[in-house]
Amino acid sequence: MISMGSVVRVVDNTGVMRIKCIKVLSGSDRYLIGEKIIGSVQRVKSFRRLKRGYKVRAYIVGLKKWCYRSDGSYIRFGKTTCVIVGRKGMLRASRVKAPVMKEFKDKIEVRTLGVAIKTV
């Protein structure tokens, strides 16, 4: 589950390693794949455009909690992961470095899946 104060791992090549969730923009109490969050950059690689303390928007692409699928199977990741997007919802990175759940495709644009390494 994602709540205010959760630290989330970033899996794209923007240079940001972790963000801390400030607000979940869905308005519901169940936070699942494809939810949009606002976060504060906590850790970055050196010499990047996004600095520590910047506010960014991101989509959740993988959850540590079990996610049940419509066919009865379930899946979970080792850590909760996200990708950083711009104000219009377009991906800021040119590549996603981790698997992305296919349920994400139903909620968000297809371009994210095109640059992902693997769809699970």
PDB file of N, CA and C in Angstrom:
ATOM      1  N   MET A   1       0.838  -1.182   0.000  1.00  0.00           N
ATOM      2  CA  MET A   1       0.000   0.000   0.000  1.00  0.00           C
ATOM      3  C   MET A   1       0.881   1.242   0.000  1.00  0.00           C
ATOM      4  N   ILE A   2       0.404   2.259  -0.625  1.00  0.00           N
ATOM      5  CA  ILE A   2       1.123   3.520  -0.694  1.00  0.00           C
ATOM      6  C   ILE A   2       0.366   4.519   0.170  1.00  0.00           C
ATOM      7  N   SER A   3       1.063   5.173   1.049  1.00  0.00           N
ATOM      8  CA  SER A   3       0.449   6.212   1.856  1.00  0.00           C
ATOM      9  C   SER A   3       1.429   7.371   1.960  1.00  0.00           C
ATOM     10  N   MET A   4       1.004   8.425   2.603  1.00  0.00           N
ATOM     11  CA  MET A   4       1.855   9.581   2.754  1.00  0.00           C
ATOM     12  C   MET A   4       3.090   9.202   3.575  1.00  0.00           C
ATOM     13  N   GLY A   5       4.269   9.483   3.051  1.00  0.00           N
ATOM     14  CA  GLY A   5       5.502   9.160   3.746  1.00  0.00           C
ATOM     15  C   GLY A   5       6.175   7.890   3.271  1.00  0.00           C
ATOM     16  N   SER A   6       5.521   7.131   2.393  1.00  0.00           N
ATOM     17  CA  SER A   6       6.126   5.907   1.865  1.00  0.00           C
ATOM     18  C   SER A   6       7.278   6.247   0.937  1.00  0.00           C
ATOM     19  N   VAL A   7       8.345   5.492   1.025  1.00  0.00           N
ATOM     20  CA  VAL A   7       9.488   5.670   0.127  1.00  0.00           C
ATOM     21  C   VAL A   7       9.360   4.660  -0.996  1.00  0.00           C
ATOM     22  N   VAL A   8       9.425   5.146  -2.232  1.00  0.00           N
ATOM     23  CA  VAL A   8       9.180   4.330  -3.413  1.00  0.00           C
ATOM     24  C   VAL A   8      10.417   4.355  -4.300  1.00  0.00           C
ATOM     25  N   ARG A   9      10.766   3.210  -4.845  1.00  0.00           N
ATOM     26  CA  ARG A   9      11.930   3.077  -5.728  1.00  0.00           C
ATOM     27  C   ARG A   9      11.546   3.488  -7.154  1.00  0.00           C
ATOM     28  N   VAL A  10      12.403   4.270  -7.811  1.00  0.00           N
ATOM     29  CA  VAL A  10      12.163   4.730  -9.185  1.00  0.00           C
ATOM     30  C   VAL A  10      12.925   3.815 -10.136  1.00  0.00           C
ATOM     31  N   VAL A  11      12.247   3.321 -11.188  1.00  0.00           N
ATOM     32  CA  VAL A  11      12.860   2.333 -12.078  1.00  0.00           C
ATOM     33  C   VAL A  11      13.029   2.843 -13.506  1.00  0.00           C
ATOM     34  N   ASP A  12      13.215   4.145 -13.675  1.00  0.00           N
ATOM     35  CA  ASP A  12      13.515   4.658 -15.010  1.00  0.00           C
ATOM     36  C   ASP A  12      14.884   5.322 -14.997  1.00  0.00           C
ATOM     37  N   ASN A  13      15.298   5.863 -16.145  1.00  0.00           N
ATOM     38  CA  ASN A  13      16.654   6.405 -16.236  1.00  0.00           C
ATOM     39  C   ASN A  13      16.716   7.924 -16.097  1.00  0.00           C
ATOM     40  N   THR A  14      15.870   8.512 -15.259  1.00  0.00           N
ATOM     41  CA  THR A  14      15.932   9.947 -15.010  1.00  0.00           C
ATOM     42  C   THR A  14      17.059  10.320 -14.053  1.00  0.00           C
ATOM     43  N   GLY A  15      17.620   9.359 -13.349  1.00  0.00           N
ATOM     44  CA  GLY A  15      18.676   9.628 -12.384  1.00  0.00           C
ATOM     45  C   GLY A  15      18.191   9.652 -10.949  1.00  0.00           C
ATOM     46  N   VAL A  16      16.881   9.664 -10.759  1.00  0.00           N
ATOM     47  CA  VAL A  16      16.308   9.631  -9.413  1.00  0.00           C
ATOM     48  C   VAL A  16      16.275   8.186  -8.956  1.00  0.00           C
ATOM     49  N   MET A  17      16.688   7.933  -7.724  1.00  0.00           N
ATOM     50  CA  MET A  17      16.706   6.575  -7.201  1.00  0.00           C
ATOM     51  C   MET A  17      15.509   6.287  -6.306  1.00  0.00           C
ATOM     52  N   ARG A  18      15.118   7.250  -5.462  1.00  0.00           N
ATOM     53  CA  ARG A  18      13.991   7.065  -4.553  1.00  0.00           C
ATOM     54  C   ARG A  18      13.220   8.368  -4.419  1.00  0.00           C
ATOM     55  N   ILE A  19      11.898   8.237  -4.250  1.00  0.00           N
ATOM     56  CA  ILE A  19      11.074   9.395  -3.925  1.00  0.00           C
ATOM     57  C   ILE A  19      10.223   9.060  -2.702  1.00  0.00           C
ATOM     58  N   LYS A  20       9.855  10.092  -1.975  1.00  0.00           N
ATOM     59  CA  LYS A  20       9.002   9.940  -0.802  1.00  0.00           C
ATOM     60  C   LYS A  20       7.627  10.483  -1.157  1.00  0.00           C
ATOM     61  N   CYS A  21       6.599   9.678  -0.954  1.00  0.00           N
ATOM     62  CA  CYS A  21       5.241  10.043  -1.349  1.00  0.00           C
ATOM     63  C   CYS A  21       4.715  11.187  -0.487  1.00  0.00           C
ATOM     64  N   ILE A  22       4.247  12.249  -1.139  1.00  0.00           N
ATOM     65  CA  ILE A  22       3.631  13.377  -0.449  1.00  0.00           C
ATOM     66  C   ILE A  22       2.119  13.239  -0.466  1.00  0.00           C
ATOM     67  N   LYS A  23       1.578  12.849  -1.656  1.00  0.00           N
ATOM     68  CA  LYS A  23       0.129  12.752  -1.799  1.00  0.00           C
ATOM     69  C   LYS A  23      -0.209  11.745  -2.883  1.00  0.00           C
ATOM     70  N   VAL A  24      -1.274  10.988  -2.668  1.00  0.00           N
ATOM     71  CA  VAL A  24      -1.810  10.085  -3.687  1.00  0.00           C
ATOM     72  C   VAL A  24      -2.993  10.791  -4.332  1.00  0.00           C
ATOM     73  N   LEU A  25      -2.974  10.917  -5.658  1.00  0.00           N
ATOM     74  CA  LEU A  25      -3.964  11.736  -6.347  1.00  0.00           C
ATOM     75  C   LEU A  25      -5.253  11.008  -6.707  1.00  0.00           C
ATOM     76  N   SER A  26      -5.411   9.751  -6.329  1.00  0.00           N
ATOM     77  CA  SER A  26      -6.603   9.014  -6.727  1.00  0.00           C
ATOM     78  C   SER A  26      -7.817   9.385  -5.883  1.00  0.00           C
ATOM     79  N   GLY A  27      -7.623   9.656  -4.615  1.00  0.00           N
ATOM     80  CA  GLY A  27      -8.735   9.992  -3.741  1.00  0.00           C
ATOM     81  C   GLY A  27      -9.375   8.792  -3.080  1.00  0.00           C
ATOM     82  N   SER A  28      -8.973   7.572  -3.467  1.00  0.00           N
ATOM     83  CA  SER A  28      -9.546   6.384  -2.842  1.00  0.00           C
ATOM     84  C   SER A  28      -8.614   5.891  -1.737  1.00  0.00           C
ATOM     85  N   ASP A  29      -9.092   4.916  -0.970  1.00  0.00           N
ATOM     86  CA  ASP A  29      -8.263   4.389   0.112  1.00  0.00           C
ATOM     87  C   ASP A  29      -7.502   3.143  -0.323  1.00  0.00           C
ATOM     88  N   ARG A  30      -7.734   2.620  -1.540  1.00  0.00           N
ATOM     89  CA  ARG A  30      -6.996   1.465  -2.057  1.00  0.00           C
ATOM     90  C   ARG A  30      -6.058   1.959  -3.146  1.00  0.00           C
ATOM     91  N   TYR A  31      -4.789   1.832  -2.918  1.00  0.00           N
ATOM     92  CA  TYR A  31      -3.806   2.322  -3.867  1.00  0.00           C
ATOM     93  C   TYR A  31      -3.215   1.145  -4.611  1.00  0.00           C
ATOM     94  N   LEU A  32      -3.489   1.078  -5.907  1.00  0.00           N
ATOM     95  CA  LEU A  32      -3.083  -0.060  -6.707  1.00  0.00           C
ATOM     96  C   LEU A  32      -2.201   0.381  -7.862  1.00  0.00           C
ATOM     97  N   ILE A  33      -1.974  -0.524  -8.790  1.00  0.00           N
ATOM     98  CA  ILE A  33      -1.153  -0.246  -9.959  1.00  0.00           C
ATOM     99  C   ILE A  33      -1.778   0.874 -10.782  1.00  0.00           C
ATOM    100  N   GLY A  34      -0.956   1.792 -11.244  1.00  0.00           N
ATOM    101  CA  GLY A  34      -1.425   2.881 -12.097  1.00  0.00           C
ATOM    102  C   GLY A  34      -1.862   4.120 -11.352  1.00  0.00           C
ATOM    103  N   GLU A  35      -1.768   4.139 -10.038  1.00  0.00           N
ATOM    104  CA  GLU A  35      -2.145   5.329  -9.275  1.00  0.00           C
ATOM    105  C   GLU A  35      -1.089   6.413  -9.474  1.00  0.00           C
ATOM    106  N   LYS A  36      -1.538   7.647  -9.567  1.00  0.00           N
ATOM    107  CA  LYS A  36      -0.633   8.772  -9.732  1.00  0.00           C
ATOM    108  C   LYS A  36      -0.327   9.360  -8.357  1.00  0.00           C
ATOM    109  N   ILE A  37       0.944   9.590  -8.081  1.00  0.00           N
ATOM    110  CA  ILE A  37       1.345  10.160  -6.789  1.00  0.00           C
ATOM    111  C   ILE A  37       2.195  11.400  -7.013  1.00  0.00           C
ATOM    112  N   ILE A  38       2.268  12.236  -6.000  1.00  0.00           N
ATOM    113  CA  ILE A  38       3.211  13.355  -5.977  1.00  0.00           C
ATOM    114  C   ILE A  38       4.232  13.015  -4.918  1.00  0.00           C
ATOM    115  N   GLY A  39       5.512  13.176  -5.254  1.00  0.00           N
ATOM    116  CA  GLY A  39       6.556  12.808  -4.319  1.00  0.00           C
ATOM    117  C   GLY A  39       7.696  13.805  -4.301  1.00  0.00           C
ATOM    118  N   SER A  40       8.504  13.708  -3.275  1.00  0.00           N
ATOM    119  CA  SER A  40       9.693  14.530  -3.128  1.00  0.00           C
ATOM    120  C   SER A  40      10.914  13.655  -3.390  1.00  0.00           C
ATOM    121  N   VAL A  41      11.826  14.161  -4.202  1.00  0.00           N
ATOM    122  CA  VAL A  41      13.025  13.394  -4.550  1.00  0.00           C
ATOM    123  C   VAL A  41      13.903  13.259  -3.307  1.00  0.00           C
ATOM    124  N   GLN A  42      14.255  12.027  -2.953  1.00  0.00           N
ATOM    125  CA  GLN A  42      15.058  11.767  -1.771  1.00  0.00           C
ATOM    126  C   GLN A  42      16.508  11.455  -2.108  1.00  0.00           C
ATOM    127  N   ARG A  43      16.729  10.687  -3.172  1.00  0.00           N
ATOM    128  CA  ARG A  43      18.086  10.267  -3.510  1.00  0.00           C
ATOM    129  C   ARG A  43      18.261  10.292  -5.018  1.00  0.00           C
ATOM    130  N   VAL A  44      19.348  10.919  -5.483  1.00  0.00           N
ATOM    131  CA  VAL A  44      19.632  11.012  -6.920  1.00  0.00           C
ATOM    132  C   VAL A  44      21.071  10.642  -7.212  1.00  0.00           C
ATOM    133  N   LYS A  45      21.322  10.256  -8.447  1.00  0.00           N
ATOM    134  CA  LYS A  45      22.694  10.091  -8.905  1.00  0.00           C
ATOM    135  C   LYS A  45      23.251  11.484  -9.170  1.00  0.00           C
ATOM    136  N   SER A  46      24.541  11.637  -9.171  1.00  0.00           N
ATOM    137  CA  SER A  46      25.131  12.966  -9.294  1.00  0.00           C
ATOM    138  C   SER A  46      24.965  13.538 -10.702  1.00  0.00           C
ATOM    139  N   PHE A  47      24.938  14.860 -10.782  1.00  0.00           N
ATOM    140  CA  PHE A  47      24.893  15.621 -12.032  1.00  0.00           C
ATOM    141  C   PHE A  47      23.667  15.302 -12.875  1.00  0.00           C
ATOM    142  N   ARG A  48      22.506  15.343 -12.268  1.00  0.00           N
ATOM    143  CA  ARG A  48      21.255  15.102 -12.978  1.00  0.00           C
ATOM    144  C   ARG A  48      20.389  16.358 -12.946  1.00  0.00           C
ATOM    145  N   ARG A  49      19.400  16.406 -13.823  1.00  0.00           N
ATOM    146  CA  ARG A  49      18.521  17.568 -13.906  1.00  0.00           C
ATOM    147  C   ARG A  49      17.614  17.678 -12.672  1.00  0.00           C
ATOM    148  N   LEU A  50      17.097  16.567 -12.203  1.00  0.00           N
ATOM    149  CA  LEU A  50      16.249  16.570 -11.010  1.00  0.00           C
ATOM    150  C   LEU A  50      17.129  16.494  -9.766  1.00  0.00           C
ATOM    151  N   LYS A  51      16.961  17.438  -8.882  1.00  0.00           N
ATOM    152  CA  LYS A  51      17.777  17.503  -7.663  1.00  0.00           C
ATOM    153  C   LYS A  51      16.999  17.008  -6.453  1.00  0.00           C
ATOM    154  N   ARG A  52      17.702  16.788  -5.375  1.00  0.00           N
ATOM    155  CA  ARG A  52      17.089  16.345  -4.128  1.00  0.00           C
ATOM    156  C   ARG A  52      16.154  17.436  -3.609  1.00  0.00           C
ATOM    157  N   GLY A  53      14.943  17.042  -3.217  1.00  0.00           N
ATOM    158  CA  GLY A  53      13.964  17.987  -2.707  1.00  0.00           C
ATOM    159  C   GLY A  53      12.959  18.465  -3.735  1.00  0.00           C
ATOM    160  N   TYR A  54      13.176  18.208  -5.030  1.00  0.00           N
ATOM    161  CA  TYR A  54      12.220  18.586  -6.061  1.00  0.00           C
ATOM    162  C   TYR A  54      10.939  17.779  -5.906  1.00  0.00           C
ATOM    163  N   LYS A  55       9.802  18.408  -6.260  1.00  0.00           N
ATOM    164  CA  LYS A  55       8.531  17.696  -6.267  1.00  0.00           C
ATOM    165  C   LYS A  55       8.304  17.131  -7.666  1.00  0.00           C
ATOM    166  N   VAL A  56       7.931  15.858  -7.735  1.00  0.00           N
ATOM    167  CA  VAL A  56       7.698  15.203  -9.025  1.00  0.00           C
ATOM    168  C   VAL A  56       6.393  14.417  -8.966  1.00  0.00           C
ATOM    169  N   ARG A  57       5.866  14.098 -10.150  1.00  0.00           N
ATOM    170  CA  ARG A  57       4.696  13.227 -10.264  1.00  0.00           C
ATOM    171  C   ARG A  57       5.170  11.879 -10.765  1.00  0.00           C
ATOM    172  N   ALA A  58       4.497  10.820 -10.325  1.00  0.00           N
ATOM    173  CA  ALA A  58       4.912   9.474 -10.717  1.00  0.00           C
ATOM    174  C   ALA A  58       3.710   8.548 -10.761  1.00  0.00           C
ATOM    175  N   TYR A  59       3.848   7.461 -11.541  1.00  0.00           N
ATOM    176  CA  TYR A  59       2.860   6.395 -11.586  1.00  0.00           C
ATOM    177  C   TYR A  59       3.436   5.167 -10.911  1.00  0.00           C
ATOM    178  N   ILE A  60       2.625   4.471 -10.120  1.00  0.00           N
ATOM    179  CA  ILE A  60       3.028   3.215  -9.497  1.00  0.00           C
ATOM    180  C   ILE A  60       2.959   2.115 -10.555  1.00  0.00           C
ATOM    181  N   VAL A  61       4.071   1.379 -10.760  1.00  0.00           N
ATOM    182  CA  VAL A  61       4.090   0.314 -11.766  1.00  0.00           C
ATOM    183  C   VAL A  61       4.286  -1.072 -11.156  1.00  0.00           C
ATOM    184  N   GLY A  62       4.631  -1.169  -9.883  1.00  0.00           N
ATOM    185  CA  GLY A  62       4.790  -2.458  -9.228  1.00  0.00           C
ATOM    186  C   GLY A  62       4.598  -2.318  -7.733  1.00  0.00           C
ATOM    187  N   LEU A  63       3.909  -3.285  -7.119  1.00  0.00           N
ATOM    188  CA  LEU A  63       3.634  -3.229  -5.683  1.00  0.00           C
ATOM    189  C   LEU A  63       4.231  -4.424  -4.960  1.00  0.00           C
ATOM    190  N   LYS A  64       4.654  -4.200  -3.743  1.00  0.00           N
ATOM    191  CA  LYS A  64       5.140  -5.286  -2.909  1.00  0.00           C
ATOM    192  C   LYS A  64       3.970  -6.131  -2.392  1.00  0.00           C
ATOM    193  N   LYS A  65       2.827  -5.509  -2.240  1.00  0.00           N
ATOM    194  CA  LYS A  65       1.634  -6.226  -1.786  1.00  0.00           C
ATOM    195  C   LYS A  65       1.127  -7.131  -2.914  1.00  0.00           C
ATOM    196  N   TRP A  66       0.515  -8.254  -2.550  1.00  0.00           N
ATOM    197  CA  TRP A  66      -0.032  -9.175  -3.550  1.00  0.00           C
ATOM    198  C   TRP A  66      -1.102  -8.475  -4.365  1.00  0.00           C
ATOM    199  N   CYS A  67      -1.041  -8.621  -5.689  1.00  0.00           N
ATOM    200  CA  CYS A  67      -2.063  -8.098  -6.591  1.00  0.00           C
ATOM    201  C   CYS A  67      -2.739  -9.276  -7.277  1.00  0.00           C
ATOM    202  N   TYR A  68      -4.042  -9.370  -7.110  1.00  0.00           N
ATOM    203  CA  TYR A  68      -4.792 -10.468  -7.715  1.00  0.00           C
ATOM    204  C   TYR A  68      -5.281 -10.070  -9.096  1.00  0.00           C
ATOM    205  N   ARG A  69      -5.160 -10.992 -10.039  1.00  0.00           N
ATOM    206  CA  ARG A  69      -5.585 -10.744 -11.409  1.00  0.00           C
ATOM    207  C   ARG A  69      -6.971 -11.335 -11.638  1.00  0.00           C
ATOM    208  N   SER A  70      -7.576 -10.957 -12.757  1.00  0.00           N
ATOM    209  CA  SER A  70      -8.943 -11.402 -13.041  1.00  0.00           C
ATOM    210  C   SER A  70      -9.029 -12.901 -13.318  1.00  0.00           C
ATOM    211  N   ASP A  71      -7.911 -13.520 -13.747  1.00  0.00           N
ATOM    212  CA  ASP A  71      -7.933 -14.961 -14.020  1.00  0.00           C
ATOM    213  C   ASP A  71      -7.691 -15.807 -12.775  1.00  0.00           C
ATOM    214  N   GLY A  72      -7.526 -15.176 -11.617  1.00  0.00           N
ATOM    215  CA  GLY A  72      -7.351 -15.904 -10.364  1.00  0.00           C
ATOM    216  C   GLY A  72      -5.918 -15.993  -9.888  1.00  0.00           C
ATOM    217  N   SER A  73      -4.960 -15.661 -10.731  1.00  0.00           N
ATOM    218  CA  SER A  73      -3.560 -15.694 -10.317  1.00  0.00           C
ATOM    219  C   SER A  73      -3.212 -14.415  -9.556  1.00  0.00           C
ATOM    220  N   TYR A  74      -2.042 -14.413  -8.942  1.00  0.00           N
ATOM    221  CA  TYR A  74      -1.594 -13.229  -8.225  1.00  0.00           C
ATOM    222  C   TYR A  74      -0.107 -13.026  -8.473  1.00  0.00           C
ATOM    223  N   ILE A  75       0.336 -11.792  -8.246  1.00  0.00           N
ATOM    224  CA  ILE A  75       1.726 -11.430  -8.508  1.00  0.00           C
ATOM    225  C   ILE A  75       2.149 -10.391  -7.490  1.00  0.00           C
ATOM    226  N   ARG A  76       3.429 -10.362  -7.179  1.00  0.00           N
ATOM    227  CA  ARG A  76       3.974  -9.300  -6.336  1.00  0.00           C
ATOM    228  C   ARG A  76       5.430  -9.070  -6.705  1.00  0.00           C
ATOM    229  N   PHE A  77       5.929  -7.885  -6.417  1.00  0.00           N
ATOM    230  CA  PHE A  77       7.305  -7.504  -6.682  1.00  0.00           C
ATOM    231  C   PHE A  77       8.065  -7.447  -5.364  1.00  0.00           C
ATOM    232  N   GLY A  78       9.381  -7.371  -5.439  1.00  0.00           N
ATOM    233  CA  GLY A  78      10.193  -7.275  -4.240  1.00  0.00           C
ATOM    234  C   GLY A  78      10.056  -5.936  -3.554  1.00  0.00           C
ATOM    235  N   LYS A  79       9.879  -4.868  -4.340  1.00  0.00           N
ATOM    236  CA  LYS A  79       9.734  -3.523  -3.802  1.00  0.00           C
ATOM    237  C   LYS A  79       8.662  -2.786  -4.575  1.00  0.00           C
ATOM    238  N   THR A  80       8.107  -1.757  -3.969  1.00  0.00           N
ATOM    239  CA  THR A  80       7.154  -0.908  -4.662  1.00  0.00           C
ATOM    240  C   THR A  80       7.930   0.012  -5.589  1.00  0.00           C
ATOM    241  N   THR A  81       7.533   0.057  -6.860  1.00  0.00           N
ATOM    242  CA  THR A  81       8.286   0.806  -7.860  1.00  0.00           C
ATOM    243  C   THR A  81       7.389   1.806  -8.582  1.00  0.00           C
ATOM    244  N   CYS A  82       8.018   2.827  -9.155  1.00  0.00           N
ATOM    245  CA  CYS A  82       7.273   3.840  -9.893  1.00  0.00           C
ATOM    246  C   CYS A  82       8.119   4.387 -11.040  1.00  0.00           C
ATOM    247  N   VAL A  83       7.465   5.120 -11.954  1.00  0.00           N
ATOM    248  CA  VAL A  83       8.151   5.847 -13.027  1.00  0.00           C
ATOM    249  C   VAL A  83       7.730   7.305 -12.937  1.00  0.00           C
ATOM    250  N   ILE A  84       8.661   8.209 -13.212  1.00  0.00           N
ATOM    251  CA  ILE A  84       8.398   9.641 -13.105  1.00  0.00           C
ATOM    252  C   ILE A  84       7.801  10.138 -14.411  1.00  0.00           C
ATOM    253  N   VAL A  85       6.746  10.958 -14.298  1.00  0.00           N
ATOM    254  CA  VAL A  85       6.073  11.520 -15.462  1.00  0.00           C
ATOM    255  C   VAL A  85       6.038  13.039 -15.338  1.00  0.00           C
ATOM    256  N   GLY A  86       5.752  13.712 -16.457  1.00  0.00           N
ATOM    257  CA  GLY A  86       5.612  15.163 -16.465  1.00  0.00           C
ATOM    258  C   GLY A  86       4.204  15.569 -16.073  1.00  0.00           C
ATOM    259  N   ARG A  87       3.901  16.853 -16.195  1.00  0.00           N
ATOM    260  CA  ARG A  87       2.583  17.355 -15.813  1.00  0.00           C
ATOM    261  C   ARG A  87       1.460  16.797 -16.676  1.00  0.00           C
ATOM    262  N   LYS A  88       1.732  16.540 -17.947  1.00  0.00           N
ATOM    263  CA  LYS A  88       0.702  16.030 -18.861  1.00  0.00           C
ATOM    264  C   LYS A  88       0.593  14.512 -18.818  1.00  0.00           C
ATOM    265  N   GLY A  89       1.401  13.852 -18.001  1.00  0.00           N
ATOM    266  CA  GLY A  89       1.326  12.412 -17.872  1.00  0.00           C
ATOM    267  C   GLY A  89       2.261  11.641 -18.787  1.00  0.00           C
ATOM    268  N   MET A  90       3.073  12.322 -19.569  1.00  0.00           N
ATOM    269  CA  MET A  90       4.030  11.649 -20.448  1.00  0.00           C
ATOM    270  C   MET A  90       5.277  11.280 -19.660  1.00  0.00           C
ATOM    271  N   LEU A  91       5.878  10.172 -20.022  1.00  0.00           N
ATOM    272  CA  LEU A  91       7.058   9.667 -19.342  1.00  0.00           C
ATOM    273  C   LEU A  91       8.238  10.624 -19.522  1.00  0.00           C
ATOM    274  N   ARG A  92       8.964  10.942 -18.451  1.00  0.00           N
ATOM    275  CA  ARG A  92      10.124  11.833 -18.547  1.00  0.00           C
ATOM    276  C   ARG A  92      11.371  11.105 -18.994  1.00  0.00           C
ATOM    277  N   ALA A  93      11.423   9.815 -18.766  1.00  0.00           N
ATOM    278  CA  ALA A  93      12.615   9.033 -19.094  1.00  0.00           C
ATOM    279  C   ALA A  93      12.487   8.453 -20.500  1.00  0.00           C
ATOM    280  N   SER A  94      13.615   7.948 -20.996  1.00  0.00           N
ATOM    281  CA  SER A  94      13.599   7.292 -22.296  1.00  0.00           C
ATOM    282  C   SER A  94      13.605   5.774 -22.153  1.00  0.00           C
ATOM    283  N   ARG A  95      13.703   5.284 -20.914  1.00  0.00           N
ATOM    284  CA  ARG A  95      13.779   3.848 -20.704  1.00  0.00           C
ATOM    285  C   ARG A  95      13.296   3.489 -19.303  1.00  0.00           C
ATOM    286  N   VAL A  96      12.617   2.351 -19.190  1.00  0.00           N
ATOM    287  CA  VAL A  96      12.203   1.810 -17.895  1.00  0.00           C
ATOM    288  C   VAL A  96      13.051   0.577 -17.642  1.00  0.00           C
ATOM    289  N   LYS A  97      13.715   0.523 -16.479  1.00  0.00           N
ATOM    290  CA  LYS A  97      14.729  -0.500 -16.219  1.00  0.00           C
ATOM    291  C   LYS A  97      14.237  -1.712 -15.444  1.00  0.00           C
ATOM    292  N   ALA A  98      12.952  -1.861 -15.265  1.00  0.00           N
ATOM    293  CA  ALA A  98      12.418  -2.997 -14.495  1.00  0.00           C
ATOM    294  C   ALA A  98      11.121  -3.473 -15.136  1.00  0.00           C
ATOM    295  N   PRO A  99      10.676  -4.667 -14.787  1.00  0.00           N
ATOM    296  CA  PRO A  99       9.401  -5.160 -15.329  1.00  0.00           C
ATOM    297  C   PRO A  99       8.229  -4.288 -14.895  1.00  0.00           C
ATOM    298  N   VAL A 100       7.227  -4.193 -15.771  1.00  0.00           N
ATOM    299  CA  VAL A 100       6.024  -3.410 -15.516  1.00  0.00           C
ATOM    300  C   VAL A 100       4.825  -4.357 -15.596  1.00  0.00           C
ATOM    301  N   MET A 101       3.875  -4.226 -14.678  1.00  0.00           N
ATOM    302  CA  MET A 101       2.700  -5.096 -14.698  1.00  0.00           C
ATOM    303  C   MET A 101       1.807  -4.755 -15.876  1.00  0.00           C
ATOM    304  N   LYS A 102       1.193  -5.780 -16.482  1.00  0.00           N
ATOM    305  CA  LYS A 102       0.363  -5.544 -17.654  1.00  0.00           C
ATOM    306  C   LYS A 102      -0.953  -4.858 -17.300  1.00  0.00           C
ATOM    307  N   GLU A 103      -1.365  -4.863 -16.022  1.00  0.00           N
ATOM    308  CA  GLU A 103      -2.543  -4.123 -15.602  1.00  0.00           C
ATOM    309  C   GLU A 103      -2.334  -2.618 -15.772  1.00  0.00           C
ATOM    310  N   PHE A 104      -1.089  -2.206 -15.761  1.00  0.00           N
ATOM    311  CA  PHE A 104      -0.739  -0.799 -15.957  1.00  0.00           C
ATOM    312  C   PHE A 104      -1.157  -0.339 -17.346  1.00  0.00           C
ATOM    313  N   LYS A 105      -1.125  -1.243 -18.323  1.00  0.00           N
ATOM    314  CA  LYS A 105      -1.486  -0.914 -19.702  1.00  0.00           C
ATOM    315  C   LYS A 105      -2.953  -0.496 -19.815  1.00  0.00           C
ATOM    316  N   ASP A 106      -3.823  -1.110 -19.028  1.00  0.00           N
ATOM    317  CA  ASP A 106      -5.241  -0.793 -19.096  1.00  0.00           C
ATOM    318  C   ASP A 106      -5.552   0.593 -18.550  1.00  0.00           C
ATOM    319  N   LYS A 107      -4.753   1.075 -17.621  1.00  0.00           N
ATOM    320  CA  LYS A 107      -5.036   2.347 -16.976  1.00  0.00           C
ATOM    321  C   LYS A 107      -4.307   3.526 -17.623  1.00  0.00           C
ATOM    322  N   ILE A 108      -3.089   3.299 -18.105  1.00  0.00           N
ATOM    323  CA  ILE A 108      -2.224   4.398 -18.539  1.00  0.00           C
ATOM    324  C   ILE A 108      -1.838   4.193 -20.000  1.00  0.00           C
ATOM    325  N   GLU A 109      -1.151   5.180 -20.544  1.00  0.00           N
ATOM    326  CA  GLU A 109      -0.729   5.155 -21.946  1.00  0.00           C
ATOM    327  C   GLU A 109       0.135   3.948 -22.281  1.00  0.00           C
ATOM    328  N   VAL A 110       0.147   3.579 -23.547  1.00  0.00           N
ATOM    329  CA  VAL A 110       0.867   2.399 -23.996  1.00  0.00           C
ATOM    330  C   VAL A 110       2.362   2.678 -24.147  1.00  0.00           C
ATOM    331  N   ARG A 111       2.769   3.938 -24.301  1.00  0.00           N
ATOM    332  CA  ARG A 111       4.173   4.273 -24.526  1.00  0.00           C
ATOM    333  C   ARG A 111       5.067   3.774 -23.391  1.00  0.00           C
ATOM    334  N   THR A 112       4.571   3.765 -22.177  1.00  0.00           N
ATOM    335  CA  THR A 112       5.356   3.293 -21.038  1.00  0.00           C
ATOM    336  C   THR A 112       5.725   1.829 -21.214  1.00  0.00           C
ATOM    337  N   LEU A 113       4.799   1.037 -21.714  1.00  0.00           N
ATOM    338  CA  LEU A 113       5.090  -0.373 -21.932  1.00  0.00           C
ATOM    339  C   LEU A 113       6.055  -0.565 -23.078  1.00  0.00           C
ATOM    340  N   GLY A 114       6.066   0.357 -24.037  1.00  0.00           N
ATOM    341  CA  GLY A 114       6.977   0.232 -25.182  1.00  0.00           C
ATOM    342  C   GLY A 114       8.420   0.421 -24.790  1.00  0.00           C
ATOM    343  N   VAL A 115       8.702   1.260 -23.806  1.00  0.00           N
ATOM    344  CA  VAL A 115      10.078   1.489 -23.389  1.00  0.00           C
ATOM    345  C   VAL A 115      10.480   0.603 -22.212  1.00  0.00           C
ATOM    346  N   ALA A 116       9.543  -0.195 -21.695  1.00  0.00           N
ATOM    347  CA  ALA A 116       9.859  -1.093 -20.580  1.00  0.00           C
ATOM    348  C   ALA A 116      10.639  -2.291 -21.083  1.00  0.00           C
ATOM    349  N   ILE A 117      11.509  -2.824 -20.240  1.00  0.00           N
ATOM    350  CA  ILE A 117      12.293  -3.993 -20.577  1.00  0.00           C
ATOM    351  C   ILE A 117      11.394  -5.214 -20.719  1.00  0.00           C
ATOM    352  N   LYS A 118      10.470  -5.378 -19.791  1.00  0.00           N
ATOM    353  CA  LYS A 118       9.639  -6.579 -19.773  1.00  0.00           C
ATOM    354  C   LYS A 118       8.277  -6.244 -19.186  1.00  0.00           C
ATOM    355  N   THR A 119       7.233  -6.864 -19.717  1.00  0.00           N
ATOM    356  CA  THR A 119       5.895  -6.730 -19.170  1.00  0.00           C
ATOM    357  C   THR A 119       5.512  -8.051 -18.514  1.00  0.00           C
ATOM    358  N   VAL A 120       5.107  -7.965 -17.241  1.00  0.00           N
ATOM    359  CA  VAL A 120       4.768  -9.178 -16.491  1.00  0.00           C
ATOM    360  C   VAL A 120       3.264  -9.263 -16.337  1.00  0.00           C
TER     361      VAL A 120
END
